[in-house]
Amino acid sequence: MEVDQLGRLCDILDAARLVAAYVKDITEADFRANTEKKDAVVRRLEIIGEATIRLGETTRQALPELPFRKMRGMRNIVAHEYANVDLKIVWEVATAHVPEVCAVLEKFFAAQTALANPQS
């Protein structure tokens, strides 16, 4: 896979890890009451979607378990429909879907590392 594509996937993983950290050990009510957390999560979801937009078809096909179209769609909502962002959906994405993205990409990068450094 091309270096720029790996970099985009790394950007997605980094942003997803940050989202997971931002919502760790808080309730949905705490999230809704904390403007900094909301802003941080929404910004990282925007980054995830923007990086997704820049992935090539071959890269997307290499990771069929990731919902790239939904990731792009979420970015479009938070970037362009910011006044109408549904925080319940943002919470669900942050707490249910982002951990799945992390798991898939961590597995992917572990496999990439294993391919680059085969055991003798």
Protein backbone atom coordinates (compact mmCIF):
# COMPACT_ATOMS: atom_id res chain seq x y z
CA MET A 1 0.00 0.00 0.00
CA GLU A 2 1.21 3.49 -0.83
CA VAL A 3 2.80 5.52 1.95
CA ASP A 4 0.27 8.37 1.68
CA GLN A 5 -2.59 5.91 2.07
CA LEU A 6 -0.98 4.37 5.15
CA GLY A 7 -0.57 7.89 6.49
CA ARG A 8 -4.27 8.61 6.01
CA LEU A 9 -5.18 5.38 7.77
CA CYS A 10 -2.82 6.34 10.58
CA ASP A 11 -4.56 9.74 10.80
CA ILE A 12 -7.90 7.96 11.13
CA LEU A 13 -6.56 5.65 13.85
CA ASP A 14 -4.98 8.53 15.76
CA ALA A 15 -8.20 10.56 15.66
CA ALA A 16 -10.28 7.53 16.62
CA ARG A 17 -8.04 6.82 19.60
CA LEU A 18 -8.42 10.41 20.73
CA VAL A 19 -12.22 10.21 20.44
CA ALA A 20 -12.18 7.05 22.56
CA ALA A 21 -10.01 8.78 25.15
CA TYR A 22 -12.28 11.85 25.24
CA VAL A 23 -15.39 9.78 26.06
CA LYS A 24 -13.74 7.25 28.35
CA ASP A 25 -15.31 7.05 31.80
CA ILE A 26 -17.97 9.70 31.18
CA THR A 27 -21.72 9.43 30.72
CA GLU A 28 -23.70 10.76 27.81
CA ALA A 29 -25.07 13.46 30.12
CA ASP A 30 -21.53 14.48 31.08
CA PHE A 31 -20.60 14.58 27.41
CA ARG A 32 -23.59 16.77 26.54
CA ALA A 33 -22.74 19.16 29.37
CA ASN A 34 -19.08 19.54 28.42
CA THR A 35 -18.54 21.88 25.48
CA GLU A 36 -14.83 21.07 25.24
CA LYS A 37 -15.51 17.32 24.97
CA LYS A 38 -18.23 17.87 22.37
CA ASP A 39 -15.98 20.16 20.34
CA ALA A 40 -13.04 17.78 20.57
CA VAL A 41 -15.06 14.71 19.53
CA VAL A 42 -16.77 16.52 16.66
CA ARG A 43 -13.42 17.85 15.41
CA ARG A 44 -11.85 14.39 15.46
CA LEU A 45 -14.85 12.90 13.65
CA GLU A 46 -14.34 15.60 11.03
CA ILE A 47 -10.67 14.59 10.70
CA ILE A 48 -11.63 10.93 10.36
CA GLY A 49 -14.07 11.79 7.58
CA GLU A 50 -11.63 14.09 5.80
CA ALA A 51 -8.91 11.44 5.83
CA THR A 52 -11.45 8.92 4.55
CA ILE A 53 -12.31 11.16 1.61
CA ARG A 54 -8.67 11.03 0.55
CA LEU A 55 -8.41 7.24 0.54
CA GLY A 56 -8.19 5.49 -2.80
CA GLU A 57 -10.50 2.71 -3.89
CA THR A 58 -7.79 0.07 -3.43
CA THR A 59 -7.28 1.16 0.17
CA ARG A 60 -11.00 1.11 0.90
CA GLN A 61 -11.28 -2.35 -0.63
CA ALA A 62 -8.42 -3.57 1.59
CA LEU A 63 -10.54 -2.72 4.66
CA PRO A 64 -14.10 -3.74 3.73
CA GLU A 65 -15.14 -3.94 7.39
CA LEU A 66 -14.86 -0.17 7.78
CA PRO A 67 -17.92 1.94 6.88
CA PHE A 68 -16.05 4.53 4.82
CA ARG A 69 -19.21 5.99 3.29
CA LYS A 70 -20.73 6.58 6.72
CA MET A 71 -17.45 8.03 7.97
CA ARG A 72 -17.46 10.53 5.10
CA GLY A 73 -21.14 11.25 5.69
CA MET A 74 -20.53 12.04 9.34
CA ARG A 75 -17.79 14.46 8.35
CA ASN A 76 -20.14 16.22 5.97
CA ILE A 77 -22.76 16.59 8.69
CA VAL A 78 -20.42 17.96 11.35
CA ALA A 79 -18.63 20.24 8.87
CA HIS A 80 -21.59 21.59 6.92
CA GLU A 81 -24.66 21.00 9.08
CA TYR A 82 -23.00 21.96 12.35
CA ALA A 83 -26.11 23.70 13.68
CA ASN A 84 -28.10 20.49 13.28
CA VAL A 85 -25.64 17.96 14.71
CA ASP A 86 -27.51 15.37 16.77
CA LEU A 87 -25.42 14.81 19.91
CA LYS A 88 -27.10 11.47 20.53
CA ILE A 89 -25.71 10.25 17.21
CA VAL A 90 -22.29 11.77 17.95
CA TRP A 91 -22.29 9.96 21.32
CA GLU A 92 -23.28 6.67 19.67
CA VAL A 93 -20.58 7.03 17.04
CA ALA A 94 -17.97 7.93 19.66
CA THR A 95 -18.82 5.12 22.06
CA ALA A 96 -19.96 2.29 19.77
CA HIS A 97 -18.50 2.78 16.30
CA VAL A 98 -15.17 4.49 16.93
CA PRO A 99 -13.87 1.60 19.08
CA GLU A 100 -14.66 -0.74 16.16
CA VAL A 101 -12.67 1.50 13.82
CA CYS A 102 -9.76 1.40 16.28
CA ALA A 103 -9.89 -2.38 16.50
CA VAL A 104 -9.95 -2.85 12.72
CA LEU A 105 -7.10 -0.42 12.09
CA GLU A 106 -4.97 -1.73 14.95
CA LYS A 107 -5.32 -5.23 13.50
CA PHE A 108 -4.51 -3.89 10.04
CA PHE A 109 -1.37 -2.08 11.21
CA ALA A 110 -0.24 -5.11 13.24
CA ALA A 111 -0.48 -7.18 10.07
CA GLN A 112 1.42 -4.53 8.10
CA THR A 113 4.17 -4.58 10.72
CA ALA A 114 4.32 -8.37 10.62
CA LEU A 115 4.66 -8.29 6.83
CA ALA A 116 7.42 -5.69 7.00
CA ASN A 117 9.30 -7.57 9.72
CA PRO A 118 8.86 -11.29 9.13
CA GLN A 119 10.32 -13.59 11.76
CA SER A 120 13.26 -15.66 10.60
